[in-house]
């Protein structure tokens, strides 16, 4: 991918401000922030982030504060922030590419977390370990005393409404109206359940916010969570559902066994977890639906998505059983093939 001159200029400013003896800078990806892997002679591998407009300075500092707690008191291997040469955890930059200063950008530098993404089906031992890691992360929140300035997003009914508004705008490109009616009914039910839930220390606190397996790496079968850019306050079942979303039924059991070996799951957890499962599925579609390149993949997933919606609306437990997908017709002659849902 070609890097914009303004972005390159910011990276160079950051390398200088952090006084790095760097040997290689590698672009990783662009989402809410633009990320780079930096290899250095003496400091090892580092993660450089150019933050987007979504996060304020206070939110970024709060993320680093939470990660420092997870690394220290909780002894979890997570990315931790580093100070620049002036002693600040956040570098403020303005690109001068093109001859005039651009908008303010916040930059952070973090320790690189070593590990590899899992390939293929994960064995029970690794899934169990992911459950243990996630439970330890949630347990860490009990001892965490945030600073007076600590602020992170809230992941609940209001954030779901924003996701829903976007999905509603673009939905016709993904699913026909007959299927969309299932989405509408599910959204009403999800909002009702979220608004009826009472946050308490046993079920609600700081969560990762985006714990899919793209944000987990393994070293010698031990999982490590990365990319805490969406961490915030929410129900712990949100994180658990996100991790289960891409797993088969038996894999889900293994992960939950690991989690429950550290933290007791709340009563009637399966029904509650299915609400968050469908909520996150809808949120994922909302995130990707405005990108035309993503639409073919989203349409291919709809037989499975509608099957989950159908089961959820029927109040039929589905997390630990195989369900039959729905056949969908797009137009007069286009039909998505039927496969067995995971």
Protein backbone atom coordinates (compact mmCIF):
# COMPACT_ATOMS: atom_id res chain seq x y z
CA UNK A 1 0.00 0.00 0.00
CA UNK A 2 1.27 3.47 -0.88
CA UNK A 3 1.66 5.67 2.19
CA UNK A 4 0.45 9.25 1.88
CA UNK A 5 3.20 11.92 2.15
CA UNK A 6 1.45 13.44 5.19
CA UNK A 7 1.51 10.07 6.97
CA UNK A 8 5.17 9.49 6.11
CA UNK A 9 5.99 12.94 7.47
CA UNK A 10 4.27 12.15 10.78
CA UNK A 11 6.13 8.84 11.07
CA UNK A 12 9.47 10.58 10.55
CA UNK A 13 8.60 13.20 13.17
CA UNK A 14 7.72 10.42 15.62
CA UNK A 15 10.93 8.46 15.00
CA UNK A 16 12.88 11.61 15.78
CA UNK A 17 10.81 12.57 18.84
CA UNK A 18 11.20 9.12 20.36
CA UNK A 19 14.93 9.15 19.52
CA UNK A 20 14.79 5.68 17.99
CA UNK A 21 17.75 3.90 16.41
CA UNK A 22 15.36 2.30 13.98
CA UNK A 23 16.36 -0.12 11.23
CA UNK A 24 12.99 -0.85 9.62
CA UNK A 25 9.49 0.62 9.56
CA UNK A 26 6.69 -1.62 8.28
CA UNK A 27 3.11 -0.50 7.60
CA UNK A 28 0.54 -2.79 9.28
CA UNK A 29 -2.97 -1.48 8.64
CA UNK A 30 -5.37 1.44 8.81
CA UNK A 31 -8.59 1.26 10.81
CA UNK A 32 -9.36 3.73 13.60
CA UNK A 33 -5.63 4.40 13.65
CA UNK A 34 -2.73 3.89 11.24
CA UNK A 35 -0.24 1.40 12.65
CA UNK A 36 3.40 0.61 11.91
CA UNK A 37 5.86 -1.96 13.21
CA UNK A 38 9.22 -0.36 14.04
CA UNK A 39 12.36 -2.44 14.44
CA UNK A 40 15.21 -0.87 16.38
CA UNK A 41 18.80 -1.71 17.30
CA UNK A 42 18.41 -1.45 21.10
CA UNK A 43 14.70 -1.20 22.00
CA UNK A 44 13.52 -4.24 20.05
CA UNK A 45 10.25 -4.16 18.12
CA UNK A 46 7.74 -1.38 18.74
CA UNK A 47 4.24 -0.44 17.62
CA UNK A 48 3.71 3.09 16.31
CA UNK A 49 0.12 4.37 16.12
CA UNK A 50 -1.20 7.49 14.41
CA UNK A 51 -4.60 7.97 15.96
CA UNK A 52 -7.70 9.00 14.06
CA UNK A 53 -10.26 11.59 15.07
CA UNK A 54 -12.39 9.11 17.05
CA UNK A 55 -10.24 9.19 20.21
CA UNK A 56 -9.51 12.25 22.32
CA UNK A 57 -6.22 12.78 24.11
CA UNK A 58 -7.88 11.85 27.41
CA UNK A 59 -9.22 8.59 25.96
CA UNK A 60 -5.82 7.59 24.58
CA UNK A 61 -4.13 8.29 27.92
CA UNK A 62 -6.82 6.27 29.66
CA UNK A 63 -6.23 3.31 27.35
CA UNK A 64 -2.52 3.43 28.22
CA UNK A 65 -3.38 3.67 31.93
CA UNK A 66 -5.52 0.54 31.71
CA UNK A 67 -2.85 -1.35 29.78
CA UNK A 68 -0.25 -0.39 32.39
CA UNK A 69 -2.47 -1.93 35.06
CA UNK A 70 -2.99 -5.12 33.05
CA UNK A 71 0.76 -5.43 32.50
CA UNK A 72 1.69 -4.64 36.08
CA UNK A 73 -0.83 -5.71 38.70
CA UNK A 74 -2.52 -8.34 36.53
CA UNK A 75 0.77 -9.59 35.00
CA UNK A 76 -0.76 -9.99 31.55
CA UNK A 77 1.36 -9.60 28.41
CA UNK A 78 -0.21 -6.62 26.61
CA UNK A 79 1.08 -3.62 24.64
CA UNK A 80 2.25 -0.84 26.99
CA UNK A 81 2.93 2.78 26.17
CA UNK A 82 6.37 4.41 26.02
CA UNK A 83 7.31 8.02 26.64
CA UNK A 84 8.86 10.27 24.01
CA UNK A 85 12.04 12.27 24.60
CA UNK A 86 10.05 15.00 26.39
CA UNK A 87 8.53 12.48 28.82
CA UNK A 88 5.05 12.45 27.30
CA UNK A 89 3.07 9.33 26.41
CA UNK A 90 1.38 11.17 23.53
CA UNK A 91 3.20 12.98 20.76
CA UNK A 92 1.30 15.80 19.08
CA UNK A 93 2.21 16.27 15.39
CA UNK A 94 1.10 18.24 12.38
CA UNK A 95 2.23 17.11 8.95
CA UNK A 96 4.05 19.75 6.93
CA UNK A 97 3.88 17.76 3.68
CA UNK A 98 2.64 19.98 0.88
CA UNK A 99 4.02 23.15 2.40
CA UNK A 100 1.47 23.93 5.09
CA UNK A 101 0.57 22.39 8.44
CA UNK A 102 -2.29 19.89 8.47
CA UNK A 103 -4.63 18.86 11.28
CA UNK A 104 -3.33 17.83 14.69
CA UNK A 105 -2.50 14.14 15.02
CA UNK A 106 -1.86 12.17 18.19
CA UNK A 107 0.89 9.52 18.03
CA UNK A 108 1.72 6.81 20.55
CA UNK A 109 4.54 4.28 20.73
CA UNK A 110 4.09 0.89 22.43
CA UNK A 111 6.03 -2.25 23.20
CA UNK A 112 5.48 -4.87 20.52
CA UNK A 113 3.73 -8.04 21.71
CA UNK A 114 5.45 -11.08 20.24
CA UNK A 115 3.34 -13.95 18.95
CA UNK A 116 1.64 -15.42 15.93
CA UNK A 117 -1.98 -15.46 14.88
CA UNK A 118 -3.60 -18.88 15.00
CA UNK A 119 -4.04 -20.72 11.73
CA UNK A 120 -6.74 -23.32 11.19
CA UNK A 121 -8.75 -24.90 13.98
CA UNK A 122 -7.43 -24.12 17.45
CA UNK A 123 -6.89 -27.09 19.79
CA UNK A 124 -8.84 -27.29 23.04
CA UNK A 125 -5.77 -26.30 25.08
CA UNK A 126 -5.39 -22.98 23.26
CA UNK A 127 -9.09 -22.21 23.40
CA UNK A 128 -9.14 -22.98 27.10
CA UNK A 129 -6.15 -20.66 27.57
CA UNK A 130 -7.95 -17.83 25.73
CA UNK A 131 -10.87 -18.22 28.13
CA UNK A 132 -8.51 -18.07 31.11
CA UNK A 133 -6.77 -14.97 29.71
CA UNK A 134 -10.07 -13.18 29.16
CA UNK A 135 -11.31 -14.02 32.65
CA UNK A 136 -8.06 -12.75 34.18
CA UNK A 137 -8.47 -9.53 32.22
CA UNK A 138 -11.97 -9.05 33.61
CA UNK A 139 -10.82 -9.93 37.13
CA UNK A 140 -8.15 -7.25 36.85
CA UNK A 141 -10.82 -4.61 36.67
CA UNK A 142 -11.90 -5.32 40.23
CA UNK A 143 -8.57 -4.07 41.60
CA UNK A 144 -8.18 -1.20 39.12
CA UNK A 145 -8.52 2.30 40.56
CA UNK A 146 -8.76 4.73 37.62
CA UNK A 147 -7.39 8.24 37.76
CA UNK A 148 -9.78 11.17 38.03
CA UNK A 149 -9.28 11.91 34.33
CA UNK A 150 -9.91 8.32 33.19
CA UNK A 151 -12.44 8.13 30.35
CA UNK A 152 -13.27 5.37 27.90
CA UNK A 153 -16.30 4.64 25.68
CA UNK A 154 -19.41 2.87 26.93
CA UNK A 155 -20.46 -0.22 24.97
CA UNK A 156 -24.17 -0.74 25.49
CA UNK A 157 -27.57 0.33 24.22
CA UNK A 158 -26.49 3.77 22.95
CA UNK A 159 -23.49 2.45 21.02
CA UNK A 160 -25.67 -0.30 19.52
CA UNK A 161 -28.17 2.31 18.31
CA UNK A 162 -25.39 4.07 16.40
CA UNK A 163 -24.31 0.77 14.81
CA UNK A 164 -27.91 0.01 13.93
CA UNK A 165 -28.49 3.41 12.31
CA UNK A 166 -25.57 2.80 9.96
CA UNK A 167 -26.63 -0.76 9.11
CA UNK A 168 -30.17 0.43 8.44
CA UNK A 169 -28.86 2.96 5.95
CA UNK A 170 -26.97 0.40 3.85
CA UNK A 171 -28.80 -2.87 4.58
CA UNK A 172 -30.40 -3.32 1.15
CA UNK A 173 -26.97 -4.06 -0.35
CA UNK A 174 -26.52 -6.99 2.04
CA UNK A 175 -29.85 -8.68 2.66
CA UNK A 176 -33.33 -8.71 1.02
CA UNK A 177 -36.29 -7.17 2.83
CA UNK A 178 -37.61 -10.55 3.95
CA UNK A 179 -34.37 -11.15 5.84
CA UNK A 180 -34.13 -7.56 7.03
CA UNK A 181 -37.35 -8.01 9.00
CA UNK A 182 -35.52 -10.57 11.16
CA UNK A 183 -32.78 -8.00 11.79
CA UNK A 184 -35.35 -5.39 12.79
CA UNK A 185 -37.08 -7.69 15.24
CA UNK A 186 -33.74 -8.77 16.72
CA UNK A 187 -32.61 -5.15 17.18
CA UNK A 188 -35.76 -4.33 19.15
CA UNK A 189 -35.21 -7.33 21.40
CA UNK A 190 -31.49 -6.61 21.90
CA UNK A 191 -32.16 -3.02 22.94
CA UNK A 192 -34.83 -4.20 25.36
CA UNK A 193 -32.44 -6.69 26.95
CA UNK A 194 -29.58 -4.19 27.18
CA UNK A 195 -31.75 -1.54 28.79
CA UNK A 196 -33.13 -4.06 31.29
CA UNK A 197 -29.66 -5.18 32.44
CA UNK A 198 -28.32 -3.53 35.58
CA UNK A 199 -24.54 -3.00 35.64
CA UNK A 200 -22.91 -4.48 38.72
CA UNK A 201 -19.25 -5.28 39.59
CA UNK A 202 -19.76 -8.96 38.87
CA UNK A 203 -21.01 -8.50 35.33
CA UNK A 204 -19.87 -5.06 34.18
CA UNK A 205 -16.57 -3.25 33.98
CA UNK A 206 -13.64 -2.55 31.68
CA UNK A 207 -13.61 -4.82 28.63
CA UNK A 208 -11.35 -5.28 25.62
CA UNK A 209 -14.22 -4.34 23.32
CA UNK A 210 -12.98 -6.13 20.19
CA UNK A 211 -11.65 -9.53 21.22
CA UNK A 212 -11.89 -11.51 17.99
CA UNK A 213 -9.04 -13.87 17.09
CA UNK A 214 -7.40 -11.28 14.86
CA UNK A 215 -6.60 -9.51 18.14
CA UNK A 216 -5.07 -12.56 19.84
CA UNK A 217 -1.55 -13.85 19.21
CA UNK A 218 0.06 -17.00 20.61
CA UNK A 219 3.53 -17.70 21.97
CA UNK A 220 4.13 -21.35 22.89
CA UNK A 221 0.35 -21.89 22.94
CA UNK A 222 -0.16 -19.01 25.39
CA UNK A 223 -2.54 -16.30 24.16
CA UNK A 224 -1.86 -12.60 24.35
CA UNK A 225 -4.46 -9.93 23.62
CA UNK A 226 -3.52 -6.98 21.40
CA UNK A 227 -5.23 -3.88 19.93
CA UNK A 228 -7.07 -2.37 22.88
CA UNK A 229 -8.18 0.66 20.84
CA UNK A 230 -11.85 -0.07 21.57
CA UNK A 231 -11.47 -0.90 25.26
CA UNK A 232 -14.15 0.65 27.40
CA UNK A 233 -16.93 -0.04 29.87
CA UNK A 234 -19.39 -2.80 29.10
CA UNK A 235 -20.79 -6.13 30.19
CA UNK A 236 -18.18 -8.89 30.39
CA UNK A 237 -20.40 -11.09 28.24
CA UNK A 238 -19.69 -8.68 25.37
CA UNK A 239 -16.04 -9.78 25.28
CA UNK A 240 -16.94 -13.43 25.69
CA UNK A 241 -19.47 -13.32 22.84
CA UNK A 242 -16.95 -11.62 20.53
CA UNK A 243 -14.48 -14.44 21.12
CA UNK A 244 -17.14 -17.12 20.49
CA UNK A 245 -18.51 -15.62 17.28
CA UNK A 246 -16.06 -17.27 14.90
CA UNK A 247 -15.83 -20.64 16.68
CA UNK A 248 -17.62 -23.95 16.18
CA UNK A 249 -19.97 -25.27 18.84
CA UNK A 250 -17.39 -27.54 20.50
CA UNK A 251 -14.72 -24.83 20.36
CA UNK A 252 -17.10 -22.51 22.18
CA UNK A 253 -17.43 -25.04 24.98
CA UNK A 254 -13.65 -25.23 25.37
CA UNK A 255 -13.24 -21.45 25.63
CA UNK A 256 -16.07 -21.15 28.15
CA UNK A 257 -14.59 -23.94 30.27
CA UNK A 258 -11.37 -21.94 30.49
CA UNK A 259 -13.19 -18.73 31.38
CA UNK A 260 -15.37 -20.35 34.05
CA UNK A 261 -12.31 -21.95 35.67
CA UNK A 262 -11.31 -18.42 36.75
CA UNK A 263 -14.59 -16.47 36.92
CA UNK A 264 -18.03 -17.84 37.67
CA UNK A 265 -20.49 -17.15 34.88
CA UNK A 266 -23.68 -15.38 35.88
CA UNK A 267 -26.98 -17.29 36.19
CA UNK A 268 -28.75 -17.99 32.91
CA UNK A 269 -25.55 -16.94 31.15
CA UNK A 270 -26.27 -18.85 27.94
CA UNK A 271 -29.41 -16.90 27.07
CA UNK A 272 -27.74 -13.59 27.97
CA UNK A 273 -24.62 -14.51 26.01
CA UNK A 274 -26.69 -15.19 22.90
CA UNK A 275 -28.05 -11.64 23.05
CA UNK A 276 -24.49 -10.27 22.98
CA UNK A 277 -23.53 -12.79 20.27
CA UNK A 278 -26.23 -11.42 17.94
CA UNK A 279 -25.50 -7.83 18.99
CA UNK A 280 -21.83 -8.17 18.04
CA UNK A 281 -22.67 -9.94 14.79
CA UNK A 282 -24.88 -6.98 13.84
CA UNK A 283 -22.20 -4.53 14.95
CA UNK A 284 -19.61 -6.25 12.76
CA UNK A 285 -21.87 -5.98 9.73
CA UNK A 286 -22.48 -2.32 10.50
CA UNK A 287 -18.73 -1.68 10.62
CA UNK A 288 -18.04 -3.28 7.23
CA UNK A 289 -21.21 -2.62 5.21
CA UNK A 290 -20.22 0.80 3.86
CA UNK A 291 -17.13 -0.72 2.17
CA UNK A 292 -18.12 -2.08 -1.30
CA UNK A 293 -15.18 -4.51 -1.24
CA UNK A 294 -16.67 -6.19 1.84
CA UNK A 295 -20.17 -6.71 0.44
CA UNK A 296 -19.64 -10.08 -1.32
CA UNK A 297 -18.36 -11.61 1.90
CA UNK A 298 -21.20 -10.11 3.94
CA UNK A 299 -23.79 -11.50 1.54
CA UNK A 300 -22.22 -14.95 1.71
CA UNK A 301 -22.58 -14.93 5.49
CA UNK A 302 -26.29 -14.13 5.49
CA UNK A 303 -27.60 -17.73 5.46
CA UNK A 304 -25.80 -18.22 8.77
CA UNK A 305 -26.64 -14.77 10.15
CA UNK A 306 -30.35 -15.18 9.47
CA UNK A 307 -30.27 -18.65 11.01
CA UNK A 308 -28.87 -17.19 14.23
CA UNK A 309 -31.44 -14.39 14.18
CA UNK A 310 -34.22 -16.92 13.69
CA UNK A 311 -33.07 -18.97 16.66
CA UNK A 312 -32.57 -15.90 18.84
CA UNK A 313 -36.06 -14.59 18.14
CA UNK A 314 -37.55 -18.02 18.86
CA UNK A 315 -35.70 -18.02 22.22
CA UNK A 316 -34.12 -21.31 21.17
CA UNK A 317 -30.64 -21.90 22.61
CA UNK A 318 -28.18 -22.01 19.70
CA UNK A 319 -24.64 -21.44 20.98
CA UNK A 320 -23.92 -25.11 21.52
CA UNK A 321 -25.86 -26.76 18.72
CA UNK A 322 -25.58 -26.88 14.95
CA UNK A 323 -28.28 -24.92 13.17
CA UNK A 324 -29.63 -25.08 9.65
CA UNK A 325 -28.86 -22.02 7.50
CA UNK A 326 -31.50 -20.04 5.68
CA UNK A 327 -31.68 -20.03 1.88
CA UNK A 328 -31.71 -16.48 0.50
CA UNK A 329 -32.59 -15.31 -2.99
CA UNK A 330 -31.15 -12.05 -4.29
CA UNK A 331 -33.26 -10.99 -7.25
CA UNK A 332 -34.95 -13.47 -9.55
CA UNK A 333 -32.16 -15.96 -10.12
CA UNK A 334 -29.36 -15.38 -7.61
CA UNK A 335 -29.30 -17.76 -4.70
CA UNK A 336 -26.63 -18.22 -2.03
CA UNK A 337 -25.64 -21.90 -1.71
CA UNK A 338 -26.73 -23.71 1.43
CA UNK A 339 -23.98 -24.97 3.77
CA UNK A 340 -24.14 -26.28 7.31
CA UNK A 341 -23.81 -23.48 9.80
CA UNK A 342 -21.08 -23.76 12.42
